Protein backbone atom coordinates (compact mmCIF):
# COMPACT_ATOMS: atom_id res chain seq x y z
CA MET A 1 -16.35 -3.00 6.84
CA LYS A 2 -13.87 -5.71 7.30
CA ALA A 3 -10.18 -5.77 8.04
CA LEU A 4 -7.38 -8.17 8.55
CA ILE A 5 -4.43 -7.29 10.80
CA PHE A 6 -1.25 -9.14 10.26
CA ALA A 7 0.06 -9.75 14.00
CA ALA A 8 1.59 -13.27 13.58
CA GLY A 9 5.19 -12.31 12.42
CA LEU A 10 8.08 -13.47 14.54
CA GLY A 11 9.34 -10.04 15.08
CA THR A 12 13.09 -11.15 14.64
CA ARG A 13 14.18 -7.45 13.89
CA MET A 14 12.57 -6.32 17.23
CA LYS A 15 14.78 -8.53 19.28
CA PRO A 16 15.34 -8.47 22.22
CA PHE A 17 11.65 -7.15 22.86
CA THR A 18 10.26 -10.12 21.07
CA HIS A 19 12.12 -12.73 23.20
CA SER A 20 9.08 -12.55 25.80
CA ILE A 21 6.23 -10.77 23.82
CA PRO A 22 4.74 -10.80 20.08
CA LYS A 23 5.66 -7.74 18.05
CA ALA A 24 2.03 -6.78 18.07
CA LEU A 25 2.13 -6.09 21.88
CA ILE A 26 5.25 -3.94 21.89
CA PRO A 27 4.06 -0.80 23.51
CA VAL A 28 4.40 2.64 21.96
CA ASN A 29 3.76 5.43 24.67
CA GLY A 30 2.29 2.51 26.84
CA LYS A 31 -0.18 1.31 24.18
CA PRO A 32 0.50 -1.97 22.30
CA LEU A 33 0.79 -1.60 18.40
CA LEU A 34 -2.33 -4.07 17.96
CA GLN A 35 -4.50 -1.57 20.06
CA ILE A 36 -3.25 1.27 17.96
CA THR A 37 -3.99 -0.40 14.79
CA ILE A 38 -7.39 -1.57 16.14
CA GLU A 39 -8.33 1.93 17.37
CA LYS A 40 -7.34 3.42 14.06
CA LEU A 41 -9.35 0.89 11.99
CA LYS A 42 -12.45 1.56 14.13
CA ALA A 43 -12.13 5.28 13.79
CA ALA A 44 -12.25 4.59 9.93
CA GLY A 45 -15.46 2.67 10.24
CA PHE A 46 -14.17 -0.87 10.17
CA ASP A 47 -16.19 -2.77 12.85
CA GLU A 48 -15.21 -6.28 11.88
CA ILE A 49 -11.49 -7.39 12.10
CA ILE A 50 -9.77 -10.68 11.95
CA VAL A 51 -6.19 -11.00 13.65
CA ASN A 52 -3.88 -13.47 12.61
CA VAL A 53 -1.59 -15.03 15.22
CA HIS A 54 1.50 -17.41 15.49
CA HIS A 55 4.22 -16.03 17.65
CA PHE A 56 3.13 -16.07 21.40
CA ALA A 57 -0.42 -16.36 20.05
CA ASN A 58 -1.91 -17.02 23.62
CA GLN A 59 -0.64 -13.47 24.66
CA VAL A 60 -2.40 -11.76 21.82
CA ILE A 61 -5.69 -13.60 22.42
CA ARG A 62 -5.55 -12.88 26.00
CA PHE A 63 -4.94 -9.35 25.35
CA LEU A 64 -7.91 -9.15 23.20
CA ASP A 65 -10.10 -10.93 25.54
CA GLU A 66 -8.86 -8.67 28.38
CA ASN A 67 -10.13 -5.68 26.30
CA ASP A 68 -13.42 -7.03 25.43
CA ARG A 69 -12.17 -7.14 21.91
CA PHE A 70 -12.49 -3.39 21.82
CA GLY A 71 -16.46 -3.63 21.67
CA ILE A 72 -16.36 -4.96 18.05
CA ARG A 73 -16.27 -8.34 16.40
CA VAL A 74 -12.63 -9.38 16.46
CA GLU A 75 -11.97 -13.04 15.26
CA ILE A 76 -8.49 -15.02 15.29
CA SER A 77 -7.01 -16.43 12.39
CA ASP A 78 -4.75 -19.24 14.02
CA GLU A 79 -1.39 -19.84 12.37
CA GLN A 80 0.35 -21.44 15.55
CA ASP A 81 1.08 -24.55 13.41
CA LEU A 82 2.41 -22.97 10.39
CA LEU A 83 3.28 -19.34 9.71
CA LEU A 84 1.67 -18.65 6.52
CA GLU A 85 3.25 -15.30 5.39
CA THR A 86 1.35 -12.53 3.84
CA GLY A 87 -0.41 -14.48 0.86
CA GLY A 88 -1.19 -17.54 2.83
CA GLY A 89 -2.37 -15.46 5.71
CA ILE A 90 -4.89 -13.93 3.53
CA LYS A 91 -6.05 -17.03 2.13
CA LYS A 92 -6.48 -18.63 5.50
CA ALA A 93 -8.49 -15.81 6.86
CA SER A 94 -10.58 -15.51 3.63
CA TRP A 95 -13.50 -17.26 5.06
CA PHE A 96 -14.11 -14.27 7.19
CA PHE A 97 -14.59 -11.92 4.10
CA ASP A 98 -17.99 -13.49 3.15
CA ASP A 99 -19.96 -10.45 2.42
CA GLY A 100 -18.79 -9.89 -1.15
CA LYS A 101 -17.33 -6.56 -0.18
CA PRO A 102 -13.69 -5.25 -0.37
CA PHE A 103 -11.67 -5.63 2.72
CA LEU A 104 -8.69 -3.74 4.19
CA VAL A 105 -5.24 -5.59 5.12
CA HIS A 106 -3.01 -3.84 7.47
CA ASN A 107 0.38 -4.79 9.03
CA VAL A 108 0.41 -4.21 12.77
CA ASP A 109 3.77 -2.62 12.74
CA ILE A 110 2.75 -0.02 10.38
CA LEU A 111 2.18 3.61 11.72
CA SER A 112 0.65 6.24 9.54
CA ASP A 113 -1.56 9.26 9.08
CA VAL A 114 -3.48 8.03 6.05
CA ASP A 115 -6.94 8.36 5.85
CA LEU A 116 -8.21 4.88 5.61
CA ALA A 117 -11.97 5.77 5.07
CA LYS A 118 -10.89 7.86 2.10
CA MET A 119 -8.70 5.18 0.75
CA TYR A 120 -11.55 2.51 0.90
CA GLN A 121 -13.88 4.96 -0.79
CA HIS A 122 -11.08 5.45 -3.49
CA HIS A 123 -10.90 1.79 -3.94
CA LEU A 124 -14.55 1.54 -4.37
CA ASN A 125 -14.75 4.25 -6.90
CA SER A 126 -11.91 2.74 -8.90
CA LYS A 127 -13.66 -0.67 -9.18
CA SER A 128 -9.90 -2.13 -8.96
CA ASP A 129 -9.23 -5.63 -7.72
CA ALA A 130 -6.62 -4.16 -5.16
CA THR A 131 -5.39 -0.95 -3.96
CA LEU A 132 -1.94 -0.64 -2.63
CA LEU A 133 -0.68 2.22 -0.40
CA VAL A 134 2.64 3.43 -1.91
CA LYS A 135 5.15 6.21 -1.59
CA GLU A 136 7.84 7.42 -3.99
CA VAL A 137 10.88 6.83 -1.80
CA ASP A 138 14.45 5.38 -2.31
CA ALA A 139 14.25 1.86 -1.31
CA ASP A 140 16.01 -1.37 -2.08
CA ARG A 141 12.81 -3.30 -3.17
CA SER A 142 10.27 -1.52 -5.17
CA LEU A 143 6.75 -2.29 -6.74
CA LEU A 144 6.63 -1.22 -10.42
CA PHE A 145 3.64 0.76 -11.95
CA ASP A 146 2.90 1.67 -15.50
CA ASP A 147 1.45 5.20 -16.45
CA THR A 148 -2.07 4.36 -15.38
CA GLY A 149 -0.92 3.59 -11.99
CA MET A 150 -1.33 -0.24 -12.33
CA MET A 151 1.22 -2.76 -10.85
CA LYS A 152 3.24 -4.54 -13.48
CA GLY A 153 6.37 -5.77 -11.64
CA TRP A 154 8.88 -5.82 -8.89
CA THR A 155 12.57 -5.07 -8.59
CA ASN A 156 15.51 -5.21 -6.16
CA SER A 157 17.91 -2.40 -6.96
CA VAL A 158 20.72 -4.04 -4.93
CA THR A 159 20.62 -7.54 -6.61
CA GLY A 160 19.21 -6.41 -9.81
CA GLU A 161 16.38 -9.01 -9.55
CA VAL A 162 13.10 -8.29 -11.56
CA LYS A 163 9.86 -9.90 -11.48
CA SER A 164 7.06 -9.64 -13.78
CA PRO A 165 4.49 -11.72 -15.69
CA ILE A 166 5.07 -9.66 -18.82
CA ALA A 167 7.30 -11.00 -21.56
CA GLY A 168 10.20 -8.67 -22.35
CA PHE A 169 9.40 -6.48 -19.17
CA ASN A 170 11.86 -3.39 -18.85
CA PRO A 171 11.78 -1.91 -15.24
CA ALA A 172 13.06 1.35 -16.77
CA ASP A 173 9.77 1.81 -18.51
CA TYR A 174 7.84 1.85 -15.01
CA LYS A 175 7.62 3.90 -11.82
CA LYS A 176 9.09 2.68 -8.80
CA TYR A 177 7.14 2.88 -5.56
CA SER A 178 7.60 1.44 -2.09
CA PHE A 179 4.70 -0.49 -0.44
CA GLY A 180 3.35 0.85 2.70
CA GLY A 181 2.07 -2.31 4.23
CA ILE A 182 -1.76 -1.32 3.70
CA HIS A 183 -3.96 -2.55 0.97
CA ILE A 184 -7.57 -3.05 -0.04
CA LEU A 185 -8.75 -6.20 -1.63
CA SER A 186 -11.77 -6.91 -3.71
CA PRO A 187 -13.15 -10.29 -3.64
CA SER A 188 -12.27 -10.76 -7.31
CA VAL A 189 -8.42 -10.64 -6.46
CA LEU A 190 -8.87 -13.89 -4.56
CA ASN A 191 -10.11 -15.78 -7.64
CA ASP A 192 -6.64 -17.45 -8.58
CA MET A 193 -5.62 -18.23 -4.99
CA ASP A 194 -6.92 -21.68 -4.89
CA LYS A 195 -3.86 -22.81 -6.97
CA TRP A 196 -1.71 -21.49 -4.13
CA GLU A 197 -0.78 -23.65 -0.99
CA GLY A 198 0.75 -23.38 2.22
CA LYS A 199 2.91 -20.28 2.99
CA PHE A 200 3.40 -17.51 0.18
CA SER A 201 3.77 -13.92 -0.27
CA ILE A 202 0.89 -11.80 -1.29
CA ILE A 203 3.31 -9.74 -3.42
CA ASP A 204 4.29 -12.79 -5.31
CA TYR A 205 0.56 -13.48 -5.78
CA TYR A 206 0.04 -10.06 -7.04
CA LEU A 207 2.72 -10.49 -9.50
CA SER A 208 1.40 -13.70 -10.88
CA ILE A 209 -1.89 -11.82 -11.86
CA ALA A 210 -0.41 -8.44 -12.57
CA GLU A 211 -0.89 -8.90 -16.25
CA LYS A 212 -4.73 -9.08 -16.02
CA ALA A 213 -5.78 -7.79 -12.64
CA ARG A 214 -6.31 -3.97 -11.73
CA LEU A 215 -3.88 -3.71 -8.83
CA GLN A 216 -3.60 0.23 -8.40
CA ALA A 217 -1.31 2.37 -6.68
CA TYR A 218 -2.64 4.75 -4.07
CA LEU A 219 0.35 7.08 -4.06
CA GLN A 220 0.46 9.20 -0.76
CA ASN A 221 3.85 10.92 -0.99
CA ASP A 222 2.91 13.49 1.58
CA CYS A 223 1.58 10.92 4.25
CA TYR A 224 3.67 9.94 7.28
CA LEU A 225 4.44 6.27 7.09
CA LEU A 226 6.60 4.34 9.62
CA ASP A 227 7.58 0.77 9.73
CA VAL A 228 8.09 -0.03 13.51
CA GLY A 229 10.09 -3.00 12.65
CA LYS A 230 13.33 -2.22 14.48
CA PRO A 231 13.91 -1.10 18.08
CA GLU A 232 15.30 2.23 16.94
CA ALA A 233 11.86 3.04 15.36
CA ILE A 234 10.26 3.04 18.87
CA GLU A 235 11.36 6.50 19.61
CA LYS A 236 10.09 7.95 16.27
CA ALA A 237 6.84 6.11 16.78
CA GLU A 238 6.48 7.55 20.23
CA ALA A 239 7.08 11.20 18.78
CA PHE A 240 4.28 10.75 16.00
CA LEU A 241 1.92 9.66 18.48
CA ARG A 242 2.59 11.90 21.17
């Protein structure tokens, strides 16, 4: 099974750590976030991984080489010239997913106890175009799903902004879930991506196809999910992995 790890971010919320190292190499209990993510993916059966790089890219590549790429196939998607965001990052790395099978995308700064093998099997059984890990939590920005669990929109509760391709869309008619930074994509979901150029958000891309594509919620309210995006999250991360 194949996976993409997003490790290219600037890590601006993690300063001062990211003044000298990339966010992917910030240690939790002495182990870098990238290693934690790779080992979790390997344990779930993912044995071919591509990692995108931008900020301190050479440090990430050197770390992978020094660890013999953790004994599996690990490729690099080089975004040093331009950070492509999540959608552009997937498009640039799409050459890697050449076997016609679904692949998993995982943010390097997400820690969880989600069973990734079970999530992958759920995706296969559902025959959806994409499966997104979500939780029902109070958040400023939420994805909106219909009663069948299909994504149909997005909203920002602070600004009141709403996005959806559906005419007359009323967010009050939909369930609000927070995206967990882990999703599984079937090759079919990339069919319309040729029209998109440069850097763009995968959520914006999902929204552009939400009226016709099957973008399902993988609701896991009982899972532990931590975004290690700010320095104060390090202590929580260490407690979780201890």
